[in-house]
Amino acid sequence: MTTYEYIEEIELMVKKKDGRLERFNLDKIITGLQKASEKRPITLEQIKNIAEKVRQDIIAEGKDEVSSKEIGDKIIVYLRELDYVAYIRFASVYRDFKEPSDFQRLVNEDR
C-alpha cells in the first residue's frame, strides 16, 4: 500500500455548525465555488483545483475531523487569490452576511 492509498482510506469527517458530523464531500465544495463563481472568468478546472487543494491541506494536517469553518477559511484564502468578486460572494454566504455594512467591513479588512 502506498502512502497515497493509505491517505485515501482515511475517513475524513466534517463537524457542522450544529455539531453534527458528516463525511467530507468534495462535491459540496465544488458546488459552493460554482455558485460564487457564476458569470466570472473562472473555469471548472480552477474550481476543482481549489477544492482539491483544500482537501490536500486538511489531509496534510493529519486530521480525521475538521470543522466546516476551517474548510470555509481555507476556501476563502484560495478564492481570494483567484477572483475577488467570487471571494466576496462566497464570504457573504459563508459568513452569513445580513446587512450591506457586512460587505463593507469585509472589503475594509482586505485593505
N, C-alpha and C. Protein backbone atom coordinates (compact mmCIF):
# COMPACT_ATOMS: atom_id res chain seq x y z
N MET A 1 0.86 -1.19 0.00
CA MET A 1 0.00 0.00 0.00
C MET A 1 0.90 1.24 0.00
N THR A 2 0.64 2.15 -0.91
CA THR A 2 1.40 3.39 -0.96
C THR A 2 0.83 4.38 0.06
N THR A 3 1.59 5.42 0.35
CA THR A 3 1.11 6.47 1.26
C THR A 3 -0.17 7.09 0.73
N TYR A 4 -0.21 7.31 -0.57
CA TYR A 4 -1.40 7.91 -1.18
C TYR A 4 -2.62 7.03 -0.97
N GLU A 5 -2.45 5.73 -1.18
CA GLU A 5 -3.57 4.80 -0.98
C GLU A 5 -4.03 4.82 0.48
N TYR A 6 -3.07 4.90 1.40
CA TYR A 6 -3.42 4.94 2.82
C TYR A 6 -4.22 6.20 3.14
N ILE A 7 -3.79 7.32 2.61
CA ILE A 7 -4.49 8.59 2.85
C ILE A 7 -5.92 8.50 2.33
N GLU A 8 -6.10 7.88 1.18
CA GLU A 8 -7.43 7.76 0.61
C GLU A 8 -8.37 6.94 1.50
N GLU A 9 -7.80 6.03 2.31
CA GLU A 9 -8.63 5.18 3.16
C GLU A 9 -9.07 5.89 4.45
N ILE A 10 -8.42 6.98 4.79
CA ILE A 10 -8.79 7.71 6.00
C ILE A 10 -10.17 8.34 5.79
N GLU A 11 -11.04 8.14 6.75
CA GLU A 11 -12.39 8.69 6.67
C GLU A 11 -12.37 10.09 7.28
N LEU A 12 -12.41 11.09 6.46
CA LEU A 12 -12.38 12.48 6.92
C LEU A 12 -13.80 12.92 7.24
N MET A 13 -13.99 13.42 8.45
CA MET A 13 -15.31 13.85 8.89
C MET A 13 -15.33 15.37 9.06
N VAL A 14 -16.49 15.95 8.81
CA VAL A 14 -16.69 17.39 8.93
C VAL A 14 -17.66 17.65 10.07
N LYS A 15 -17.25 18.51 11.00
CA LYS A 15 -18.13 18.91 12.09
C LYS A 15 -18.87 20.17 11.66
N LYS A 16 -20.19 20.05 11.56
CA LYS A 16 -21.03 21.15 11.12
C LYS A 16 -21.27 22.14 12.27
N LYS A 17 -21.80 23.31 11.94
CA LYS A 17 -22.06 24.34 12.95
C LYS A 17 -22.95 23.84 14.08
N ASP A 18 -23.90 22.96 13.75
CA ASP A 18 -24.83 22.46 14.77
C ASP A 18 -24.27 21.25 15.54
N GLY A 19 -23.01 20.89 15.26
CA GLY A 19 -22.37 19.81 16.00
C GLY A 19 -22.44 18.45 15.32
N ARG A 20 -23.28 18.33 14.29
CA ARG A 20 -23.37 17.05 13.57
C ARG A 20 -22.06 16.75 12.85
N LEU A 21 -21.80 15.47 12.65
CA LEU A 21 -20.65 15.04 11.86
C LEU A 21 -21.17 14.44 10.55
N GLU A 22 -20.49 14.77 9.46
CA GLU A 22 -20.82 14.13 8.19
C GLU A 22 -19.53 13.89 7.43
N ARG A 23 -19.58 12.98 6.48
CA ARG A 23 -18.40 12.67 5.68
C ARG A 23 -18.00 13.87 4.84
N PHE A 24 -16.69 14.06 4.72
CA PHE A 24 -16.16 15.11 3.86
C PHE A 24 -16.62 14.84 2.44
N ASN A 25 -17.11 15.89 1.77
CA ASN A 25 -17.66 15.72 0.43
C ASN A 25 -17.08 16.82 -0.48
N LEU A 26 -16.16 16.43 -1.33
CA LEU A 26 -15.52 17.37 -2.24
C LEU A 26 -16.54 18.05 -3.15
N ASP A 27 -17.59 17.34 -3.52
CA ASP A 27 -18.61 17.90 -4.40
C ASP A 27 -19.32 19.11 -3.77
N LYS A 28 -19.46 19.11 -2.44
CA LYS A 28 -20.09 20.26 -1.77
C LYS A 28 -19.24 21.51 -1.93
N ILE A 29 -17.93 21.34 -1.83
CA ILE A 29 -17.02 22.47 -2.02
C ILE A 29 -17.13 22.97 -3.46
N ILE A 30 -17.11 22.05 -4.40
CA ILE A 30 -17.20 22.42 -5.82
C ILE A 30 -18.50 23.17 -6.10
N THR A 31 -19.60 22.68 -5.56
CA THR A 31 -20.90 23.33 -5.78
C THR A 31 -20.90 24.75 -5.21
N GLY A 32 -20.38 24.92 -4.00
CA GLY A 32 -20.31 26.25 -3.39
C GLY A 32 -19.44 27.20 -4.21
N LEU A 33 -18.32 26.68 -4.70
CA LEU A 33 -17.44 27.50 -5.52
C LEU A 33 -18.09 27.86 -6.86
N GLN A 34 -18.84 26.93 -7.43
CA GLN A 34 -19.53 27.22 -8.69
C GLN A 34 -20.56 28.33 -8.51
N LYS A 35 -21.28 28.31 -7.41
CA LYS A 35 -22.27 29.36 -7.15
C LYS A 35 -21.59 30.71 -7.00
N ALA A 36 -20.50 30.75 -6.25
CA ALA A 36 -19.78 32.00 -6.03
C ALA A 36 -19.13 32.51 -7.31
N SER A 37 -18.82 31.60 -8.22
CA SER A 37 -18.08 31.94 -9.44
C SER A 37 -18.97 32.17 -10.65
N GLU A 38 -20.28 32.09 -10.46
CA GLU A 38 -21.20 32.25 -11.58
C GLU A 38 -20.95 33.56 -12.32
N LYS A 39 -20.87 33.46 -13.64
CA LYS A 39 -20.64 34.61 -14.53
C LYS A 39 -19.31 35.31 -14.26
N ARG A 40 -18.35 34.57 -13.71
CA ARG A 40 -17.00 35.08 -13.51
C ARG A 40 -16.07 34.30 -14.43
N PRO A 41 -14.91 34.86 -14.77
CA PRO A 41 -13.99 34.16 -15.68
C PRO A 41 -13.19 33.06 -14.95
N ILE A 42 -13.92 32.09 -14.42
CA ILE A 42 -13.31 31.01 -13.65
C ILE A 42 -13.75 29.69 -14.29
N THR A 43 -12.79 28.82 -14.55
CA THR A 43 -13.10 27.54 -15.18
C THR A 43 -13.45 26.49 -14.14
N LEU A 44 -14.11 25.44 -14.59
CA LEU A 44 -14.42 24.32 -13.70
C LEU A 44 -13.12 23.69 -13.20
N GLU A 45 -12.11 23.67 -14.03
CA GLU A 45 -10.81 23.12 -13.63
C GLU A 45 -10.22 23.93 -12.46
N GLN A 46 -10.32 25.25 -12.52
CA GLN A 46 -9.82 26.09 -11.43
C GLN A 46 -10.61 25.81 -10.13
N ILE A 47 -11.90 25.64 -10.27
CA ILE A 47 -12.75 25.34 -9.11
C ILE A 47 -12.35 24.00 -8.50
N LYS A 48 -12.18 23.00 -9.35
CA LYS A 48 -11.79 21.68 -8.86
C LYS A 48 -10.41 21.72 -8.21
N ASN A 49 -9.52 22.53 -8.76
CA ASN A 49 -8.18 22.67 -8.18
C ASN A 49 -8.24 23.24 -6.77
N ILE A 50 -9.08 24.25 -6.56
CA ILE A 50 -9.23 24.83 -5.22
C ILE A 50 -9.77 23.77 -4.27
N ALA A 51 -10.81 23.06 -4.69
CA ALA A 51 -11.40 22.03 -3.83
C ALA A 51 -10.35 20.98 -3.46
N GLU A 52 -9.56 20.57 -4.42
CA GLU A 52 -8.53 19.55 -4.16
C GLU A 52 -7.43 20.09 -3.25
N LYS A 53 -7.04 21.35 -3.43
CA LYS A 53 -6.04 21.96 -2.54
C LYS A 53 -6.54 21.98 -1.10
N VAL A 54 -7.80 22.32 -0.92
CA VAL A 54 -8.39 22.34 0.42
C VAL A 54 -8.34 20.94 1.03
N ARG A 55 -8.73 19.94 0.25
CA ARG A 55 -8.70 18.56 0.73
C ARG A 55 -7.28 18.14 1.10
N GLN A 56 -6.33 18.45 0.24
CA GLN A 56 -4.93 18.09 0.50
C GLN A 56 -4.38 18.81 1.73
N ASP A 57 -4.76 20.08 1.91
CA ASP A 57 -4.33 20.83 3.10
C ASP A 57 -4.80 20.13 4.37
N ILE A 58 -6.05 19.70 4.37
CA ILE A 58 -6.62 19.06 5.55
C ILE A 58 -5.93 17.72 5.81
N ILE A 59 -5.73 16.94 4.76
CA ILE A 59 -5.05 15.66 4.90
C ILE A 59 -3.63 15.86 5.40
N ALA A 60 -2.94 16.88 4.88
CA ALA A 60 -1.56 17.15 5.30
C ALA A 60 -1.46 17.51 6.78
N GLU A 61 -2.54 18.06 7.32
CA GLU A 61 -2.57 18.39 8.74
C GLU A 61 -2.77 17.15 9.60
N GLY A 62 -3.07 16.02 8.97
CA GLY A 62 -3.20 14.76 9.69
C GLY A 62 -4.48 14.63 10.49
N LYS A 63 -5.47 15.39 10.16
CA LYS A 63 -6.73 15.37 10.91
C LYS A 63 -7.68 14.33 10.32
N ASP A 64 -8.51 13.76 11.18
CA ASP A 64 -9.59 12.91 10.68
C ASP A 64 -10.94 13.60 10.87
N GLU A 65 -10.89 14.78 11.52
CA GLU A 65 -12.10 15.58 11.70
C GLU A 65 -11.73 17.05 11.53
N VAL A 66 -12.56 17.77 10.80
CA VAL A 66 -12.31 19.19 10.53
C VAL A 66 -13.65 19.92 10.63
N SER A 67 -13.61 21.16 11.09
CA SER A 67 -14.86 21.92 11.19
C SER A 67 -15.20 22.53 9.84
N SER A 68 -16.48 22.76 9.62
CA SER A 68 -16.90 23.41 8.37
C SER A 68 -16.31 24.81 8.29
N LYS A 69 -16.08 25.45 9.44
CA LYS A 69 -15.46 26.77 9.47
C LYS A 69 -14.02 26.71 8.94
N GLU A 70 -13.27 25.69 9.35
CA GLU A 70 -11.90 25.54 8.86
C GLU A 70 -11.88 25.36 7.34
N ILE A 71 -12.82 24.58 6.84
CA ILE A 71 -12.90 24.37 5.39
C ILE A 71 -13.20 25.69 4.69
N GLY A 72 -14.18 26.43 5.20
CA GLY A 72 -14.53 27.72 4.62
C GLY A 72 -13.37 28.69 4.64
N ASP A 73 -12.63 28.70 5.74
CA ASP A 73 -11.48 29.59 5.85
C ASP A 73 -10.43 29.27 4.78
N LYS A 74 -10.21 27.99 4.53
CA LYS A 74 -9.23 27.58 3.52
C LYS A 74 -9.72 27.96 2.11
N ILE A 75 -11.01 27.74 1.86
CA ILE A 75 -11.58 28.08 0.55
C ILE A 75 -11.41 29.57 0.29
N ILE A 76 -11.70 30.38 1.28
CA ILE A 76 -11.63 31.84 1.12
C ILE A 76 -10.23 32.29 0.73
N VAL A 77 -9.21 31.70 1.32
CA VAL A 77 -7.83 32.08 1.00
C VAL A 77 -7.54 31.83 -0.48
N TYR A 78 -7.88 30.64 -0.95
CA TYR A 78 -7.62 30.31 -2.36
C TYR A 78 -8.49 31.12 -3.32
N LEU A 79 -9.74 31.30 -2.97
CA LEU A 79 -10.67 32.02 -3.86
C LEU A 79 -10.29 33.49 -3.96
N ARG A 80 -9.84 34.06 -2.87
CA ARG A 80 -9.43 35.47 -2.89
C ARG A 80 -8.28 35.69 -3.87
N GLU A 81 -7.36 34.73 -3.92
CA GLU A 81 -6.23 34.83 -4.86
C GLU A 81 -6.69 34.72 -6.31
N LEU A 82 -7.76 33.96 -6.54
CA LEU A 82 -8.22 33.68 -7.90
C LEU A 82 -9.12 34.78 -8.46
N ASP A 83 -10.13 35.19 -7.68
CA ASP A 83 -11.11 36.15 -8.20
C ASP A 83 -11.77 36.87 -7.02
N TYR A 84 -11.55 38.17 -6.93
CA TYR A 84 -12.03 38.94 -5.78
C TYR A 84 -13.55 38.97 -5.67
N VAL A 85 -14.25 39.06 -6.79
CA VAL A 85 -15.72 39.10 -6.75
C VAL A 85 -16.28 37.77 -6.25
N ALA A 86 -15.75 36.67 -6.76
CA ALA A 86 -16.19 35.35 -6.30
C ALA A 86 -15.88 35.18 -4.81
N TYR A 87 -14.74 35.69 -4.40
CA TYR A 87 -14.35 35.66 -2.98
C TYR A 87 -15.38 36.39 -2.11
N ILE A 88 -15.77 37.59 -2.54
CA ILE A 88 -16.77 38.37 -1.79
C ILE A 88 -18.10 37.61 -1.74
N ARG A 89 -18.50 37.07 -2.86
CA ARG A 89 -19.75 36.30 -2.89
C ARG A 89 -19.70 35.12 -1.93
N PHE A 90 -18.62 34.35 -2.00
CA PHE A 90 -18.50 33.17 -1.14
C PHE A 90 -18.49 33.60 0.32
N ALA A 91 -17.71 34.62 0.63
CA ALA A 91 -17.61 35.10 2.01
C ALA A 91 -18.95 35.57 2.54
N SER A 92 -19.75 36.19 1.68
CA SER A 92 -21.04 36.71 2.13
C SER A 92 -21.98 35.60 2.56
N VAL A 93 -21.92 34.46 1.88
CA VAL A 93 -22.75 33.32 2.25
C VAL A 93 -22.13 32.59 3.44
N TYR A 94 -20.83 32.33 3.34
CA TYR A 94 -20.10 31.60 4.37
C TYR A 94 -20.18 32.31 5.73
N ARG A 95 -20.04 33.62 5.71
CA ARG A 95 -20.09 34.39 6.97
C ARG A 95 -21.50 34.88 7.30
N ASP A 96 -22.48 34.51 6.48
CA ASP A 96 -23.89 34.80 6.74
C ASP A 96 -24.15 36.30 6.89
N PHE A 97 -23.73 37.06 5.86
CA PHE A 97 -23.94 38.50 5.88
C PHE A 97 -25.43 38.81 5.96
N LYS A 98 -25.77 39.82 6.75
CA LYS A 98 -27.16 40.24 6.91
C LYS A 98 -27.41 41.66 6.40
N GLU A 99 -26.39 42.50 6.46
CA GLU A 99 -26.52 43.92 6.14
C GLU A 99 -25.46 44.34 5.11
N PRO A 100 -25.72 45.39 4.35
CA PRO A 100 -24.70 45.91 3.43
C PRO A 100 -23.40 46.27 4.15
N SER A 101 -23.51 46.69 5.39
CA SER A 101 -22.30 47.04 6.15
C SER A 101 -21.38 45.84 6.34
N ASP A 102 -21.94 44.62 6.29
CA ASP A 102 -21.11 43.42 6.41
C ASP A 102 -20.14 43.33 5.22
N PHE A 103 -20.62 43.70 4.03
CA PHE A 103 -19.77 43.70 2.84
C PHE A 103 -18.67 44.75 2.99
N GLN A 104 -19.05 45.92 3.47
CA GLN A 104 -18.08 47.00 3.63
C GLN A 104 -16.98 46.61 4.62
N ARG A 105 -17.38 45.95 5.69
CA ARG A 105 -16.41 45.50 6.69
C ARG A 105 -15.40 44.54 6.07
N LEU A 106 -15.89 43.60 5.24
CA LEU A 106 -15.00 42.64 4.59
C LEU A 106 -14.01 43.34 3.66
N VAL A 107 -14.52 44.26 2.85
CA VAL A 107 -13.65 44.99 1.94
C VAL A 107 -12.61 45.78 2.73
N ASN A 108 -13.01 46.40 3.83
CA ASN A 108 -12.06 47.15 4.66
C ASN A 108 -11.02 46.24 5.29
N GLU A 109 -11.39 45.02 5.64
CA GLU A 109 -10.44 44.05 6.21
C GLU A 109 -9.32 43.74 5.22
N ASP A 110 -9.65 43.78 3.93
CA ASP A 110 -8.70 43.42 2.88
C ASP A 110 -7.72 44.52 2.55
N ARG A 111 -7.94 45.68 3.05
CA ARG A 111 -7.05 46.81 2.70
C ARG A 111 -5.80 46.77 3.48
